[in-house]
Amino acid sequence: MPLPVKNVPLFRDLPPEELNAIKSCLVEKDFKKGEILFHEGAVCERVFIVQEGRVKVYRTSSSGREQILEILGPGDTCACNPGALNWSCLSSATAVTACKVWFLSRNNYVRMVQTHAKVSQALNKLFADRLRCLSSLVEEVSLKDSKKRLVKFLLDMQAEKKSKGAGAETLFIPFTREEIAQRLGVARETIARRLYQLKRLKLIDVKAHEIIIRNQEGLEKLLF
């Protein structure tokens, strides 16, 4: 079921009249799996909000290797612009699945941020959450051992799930092994091998789109 505009975190606390004004500015568009939404370095003419499906935001190294920064799902936005009129995209975005997004033009976005205090507050929270995620990513990638990178990734996902008040023994992984590899800066085969090793050590179980944490303490010891 398509996500209602009122459930988008960026707009959730707006009164009906303001929400209706924003709705009139949104342009809906469908993308096929693999289609590019925008390129790194391009002038930011609009921001998007995911309505259905998933979108990966990434940067590409000089050697052509992708580094995934985020995977965006329903309600998430690419917005990194604090309200400046002149802004360039710092990353690229591609549809991971068939998806539907809303686009908001740069001028309407800037006007919205400048005139809606609640949107500005929500944007500040979004920036803070994104900074925390990117800081964690830097820490993950700085670990030379690929096993430690993977363990850190799993433990961070577990901690995030706990922070939301959910049981954290079973992790739903909204990433393919290829996407995990791109996020951690290693080969897909390495991720598959490391998952198998952790399973043999009885630290995790691996199922389709799920990883079960069997021994959190054992995983934590691998980081030291």
Protein backbone atom coordinates (compact mmCIF):
# COMPACT_ATOMS: atom_id res chain seq x y z
CA MET A 1 0.00 0.00 0.00
CA PRO A 2 1.43 3.43 -0.95
CA LEU A 3 2.67 5.53 1.94
CA PRO A 4 0.38 8.51 2.73
CA VAL A 5 2.12 11.89 2.69
CA LYS A 6 1.02 12.53 6.27
CA ASN A 7 3.11 9.53 7.43
CA VAL A 8 6.36 10.87 5.97
CA PRO A 9 8.53 11.75 9.00
CA LEU A 10 9.46 15.10 7.46
CA PHE A 11 5.77 16.14 7.33
CA ARG A 12 4.25 14.12 10.17
CA ASP A 13 3.54 16.99 12.61
CA LEU A 14 2.18 19.50 10.10
CA PRO A 15 -1.43 20.71 10.40
CA PRO A 16 -3.81 19.66 7.57
CA GLU A 17 -3.74 23.02 5.76
CA GLU A 18 0.06 23.06 5.56
CA LEU A 19 0.14 19.38 4.58
CA ASN A 20 -2.29 20.05 1.73
CA ALA A 21 -0.10 22.92 0.50
CA ILE A 22 2.92 20.60 0.39
CA LYS A 23 0.94 17.82 -1.32
CA SER A 24 0.17 20.17 -4.19
CA CYS A 25 3.92 20.65 -4.77
CA LEU A 26 4.84 16.96 -4.89
CA VAL A 27 5.35 15.24 -8.25
CA GLU A 28 5.07 11.45 -8.29
CA LYS A 29 7.29 9.32 -10.52
CA ASP A 30 7.94 5.59 -10.97
CA PHE A 31 11.41 4.07 -11.43
CA LYS A 32 12.38 0.60 -12.57
CA LYS A 33 15.00 -1.44 -10.73
CA GLY A 34 18.43 -0.13 -11.70
CA GLU A 35 17.24 3.27 -12.93
CA ILE A 36 19.25 6.28 -11.75
CA LEU A 37 17.45 9.04 -9.86
CA PHE A 38 20.39 11.46 -9.84
CA HIS A 39 24.16 11.58 -10.38
CA GLU A 40 26.92 12.69 -8.01
CA GLY A 41 28.08 16.23 -8.80
CA ALA A 42 24.88 17.30 -10.57
CA VAL A 43 23.19 20.52 -9.49
CA CYS A 44 20.46 19.72 -6.99
CA GLU A 45 17.24 20.75 -8.72
CA ARG A 46 14.91 18.68 -6.53
CA VAL A 47 14.81 16.31 -3.56
CA PHE A 48 12.93 13.03 -3.48
CA ILE A 49 10.94 11.11 -0.88
CA VAL A 50 10.49 7.36 -1.24
CA GLN A 51 6.85 6.31 -1.38
CA GLU A 52 7.34 2.63 -2.26
CA GLY A 53 10.39 0.42 -2.80
CA ARG A 54 14.06 1.02 -1.97
CA VAL A 55 16.73 3.38 -3.26
CA LYS A 56 20.47 3.21 -2.62
CA VAL A 57 22.50 6.38 -2.14
CA TYR A 58 26.18 5.87 -2.93
CA ARG A 59 29.47 7.34 -4.08
CA THR A 60 31.78 5.88 -6.71
CA SER A 61 35.56 5.76 -6.30
CA SER A 62 38.05 6.60 -9.07
CA SER A 63 38.46 2.83 -9.59
CA GLY A 64 34.71 2.44 -10.15
CA ARG A 65 33.89 0.73 -6.85
CA GLU A 66 30.62 1.77 -5.22
CA GLN A 67 30.41 2.72 -1.56
CA ILE A 68 26.81 2.59 -0.35
CA LEU A 69 26.02 5.37 2.11
CA GLU A 70 22.35 4.64 2.75
CA ILE A 71 19.48 2.43 1.66
CA LEU A 72 16.30 4.50 1.69
CA GLY A 73 12.86 2.98 2.16
CA PRO A 74 9.28 4.32 2.35
CA GLY A 75 9.18 7.70 4.09
CA ASP A 76 12.92 8.33 3.73
CA THR A 77 14.31 11.28 1.80
CA CYS A 78 17.58 12.08 0.07
CA ALA A 79 17.45 15.61 1.48
CA CYS A 80 20.92 16.81 2.44
CA ASN A 81 20.31 20.44 1.53
CA PRO A 82 19.70 22.61 4.62
CA GLY A 83 17.86 25.18 2.50
CA ALA A 84 20.52 26.69 0.27
CA LEU A 85 19.55 27.83 -3.22
CA ASN A 86 22.85 26.65 -4.73
CA TRP A 87 23.61 23.03 -3.95
CA SER A 88 25.21 20.08 -5.72
CA CYS A 89 24.49 16.41 -5.15
CA LEU A 90 27.25 14.78 -3.09
CA SER A 91 26.25 11.26 -4.12
CA SER A 92 24.30 9.24 -6.68
CA ALA A 93 21.01 7.40 -6.22
CA THR A 94 19.70 4.28 -7.98
CA ALA A 95 16.52 2.26 -7.55
CA VAL A 96 17.32 -1.04 -5.80
CA THR A 97 13.80 -2.27 -6.52
CA ALA A 98 10.98 -0.94 -8.62
CA CYS A 99 9.95 2.14 -6.69
CA LYS A 100 7.70 5.15 -6.56
CA VAL A 101 8.97 8.51 -5.31
CA TRP A 102 7.72 12.02 -4.79
CA PHE A 103 9.87 14.84 -6.13
CA LEU A 104 9.87 18.30 -4.58
CA SER A 105 11.50 21.08 -6.58
CA ARG A 106 14.44 22.89 -5.02
CA ASN A 107 12.56 26.20 -4.81
CA ASN A 108 9.56 24.61 -3.11
CA TYR A 109 11.85 22.66 -0.79
CA VAL A 110 13.79 25.78 0.23
CA ARG A 111 10.53 27.68 0.78
CA MET A 112 9.15 24.81 2.86
CA VAL A 113 12.23 24.67 5.11
CA GLN A 114 12.26 28.43 5.59
CA THR A 115 8.56 28.80 6.39
CA HIS A 116 7.72 25.64 8.37
CA ALA A 117 9.45 25.44 11.73
CA LYS A 118 8.35 21.84 12.29
CA VAL A 119 9.83 20.76 8.95
CA SER A 120 13.07 22.52 9.85
CA GLN A 121 13.14 20.69 13.20
CA ALA A 122 12.46 17.34 11.51
CA LEU A 123 15.23 18.09 9.03
CA ASN A 124 17.67 18.81 11.86
CA LYS A 125 16.85 15.41 13.37
CA LEU A 126 17.30 13.77 9.97
CA PHE A 127 20.73 15.42 9.60
CA ALA A 128 21.74 14.28 13.10
CA ASP A 129 20.64 10.69 12.41
CA ARG A 130 22.46 10.72 9.06
CA LEU A 131 25.63 12.05 10.68
CA ARG A 132 25.50 9.24 13.25
CA CYS A 133 25.03 6.63 10.50
CA LEU A 134 27.87 8.03 8.41
CA SER A 135 30.15 8.17 11.45
CA SER A 136 29.37 4.51 12.07
CA LEU A 137 30.10 3.77 8.41
CA VAL A 138 33.49 5.48 8.66
CA GLU A 139 34.28 3.35 11.70
CA GLU A 140 33.18 0.18 9.89
CA VAL A 141 35.27 0.88 6.79
CA SER A 142 38.31 1.90 8.85
CA LEU A 143 38.49 -1.60 10.32
CA LYS A 144 41.06 -3.46 8.22
CA ASP A 145 39.69 -6.91 9.02
CA SER A 146 36.63 -7.68 6.86
CA LYS A 147 35.24 -9.95 9.59
CA LYS A 148 35.33 -7.06 12.07
CA ARG A 149 33.59 -4.81 9.53
CA LEU A 150 30.78 -7.31 9.16
CA VAL A 151 30.47 -7.92 12.90
CA LYS A 152 30.34 -4.16 13.57
CA PHE A 153 27.65 -3.81 10.91
CA LEU A 154 25.51 -6.56 12.49
CA LEU A 155 25.93 -5.25 16.04
CA ASP A 156 25.03 -1.72 14.93
CA MET A 157 21.87 -3.01 13.25
CA GLN A 158 21.02 -4.90 16.44
CA ALA A 159 21.57 -1.79 18.58
CA GLU A 160 19.36 0.26 16.27
CA LYS A 161 16.59 -2.32 16.52
CA LYS A 162 16.85 -2.34 20.32
CA SER A 163 16.66 1.48 20.39
CA LYS A 164 13.29 1.22 18.67
CA GLY A 165 11.98 -1.09 21.39
CA ALA A 166 11.97 -4.22 19.25
CA GLY A 167 13.44 -7.60 20.07
CA ALA A 168 16.89 -7.76 18.58
CA GLU A 169 17.75 -11.45 18.43
CA THR A 170 16.46 -11.75 14.86
CA LEU A 171 17.62 -9.09 12.41
CA PHE A 172 15.72 -8.49 9.20
CA ILE A 173 18.41 -7.54 6.69
CA PRO A 174 17.04 -5.22 3.98
CA PHE A 175 20.26 -5.65 1.98
CA THR A 176 21.53 -8.22 -0.47
CA ARG A 177 25.01 -9.61 0.12
CA GLU A 178 26.18 -7.45 -2.77
CA GLU A 179 24.78 -4.34 -1.06
CA ILE A 180 26.40 -5.26 2.27
CA ALA A 181 29.69 -5.74 0.41
CA GLN A 182 29.35 -2.33 -1.25
CA ARG A 183 28.59 -0.71 2.07
CA LEU A 184 31.57 -2.30 3.81
CA GLY A 185 33.97 -1.90 0.89
CA VAL A 186 34.72 -5.60 0.37
CA ALA A 187 33.92 -8.26 -2.25
CA ARG A 188 30.57 -10.08 -2.22
CA GLU A 189 32.40 -13.40 -1.92
CA THR A 190 34.11 -12.11 1.22
CA ILE A 191 30.78 -11.32 2.86
CA ALA A 192 29.45 -14.78 2.02
CA ARG A 193 32.58 -16.40 3.44
CA ARG A 194 32.53 -14.32 6.62
CA LEU A 195 28.84 -15.07 7.26
CA TYR A 196 29.56 -18.77 6.87
CA GLN A 197 32.48 -18.53 9.32
CA LEU A 198 30.33 -16.76 11.91
CA LYS A 199 27.64 -19.40 11.47
CA ARG A 200 30.17 -22.22 11.96
CA LEU A 201 31.28 -20.54 15.18
CA LYS A 202 27.61 -20.66 16.26
CA LEU A 203 27.54 -16.90 16.70
CA ILE A 204 24.77 -16.37 14.14
CA ASP A 205 22.25 -18.25 12.02
CA VAL A 206 21.58 -17.14 8.46
CA LYS A 207 18.18 -17.38 6.78
CA ALA A 208 16.60 -15.67 3.78
CA HIS A 209 16.77 -11.92 4.53
CA GLU A 210 17.34 -12.67 8.22
CA ILE A 211 20.28 -13.12 10.53
CA ILE A 212 19.74 -14.52 14.03
CA ILE A 213 22.19 -13.34 16.68
CA ARG A 214 22.93 -16.45 18.76
CA ASN A 215 25.85 -15.09 20.78
CA GLN A 216 26.11 -11.31 21.06
CA GLU A 217 28.95 -11.47 23.58
CA GLY A 218 30.92 -13.73 21.26
CA LEU A 219 30.46 -11.28 18.38
CA GLU A 220 31.57 -8.36 20.53
CA LYS A 221 34.77 -10.19 21.49
CA LEU A 222 35.71 -10.42 17.80
CA LEU A 223 36.03 -6.63 17.66
CA PHE A 224 38.98 -6.66 20.07
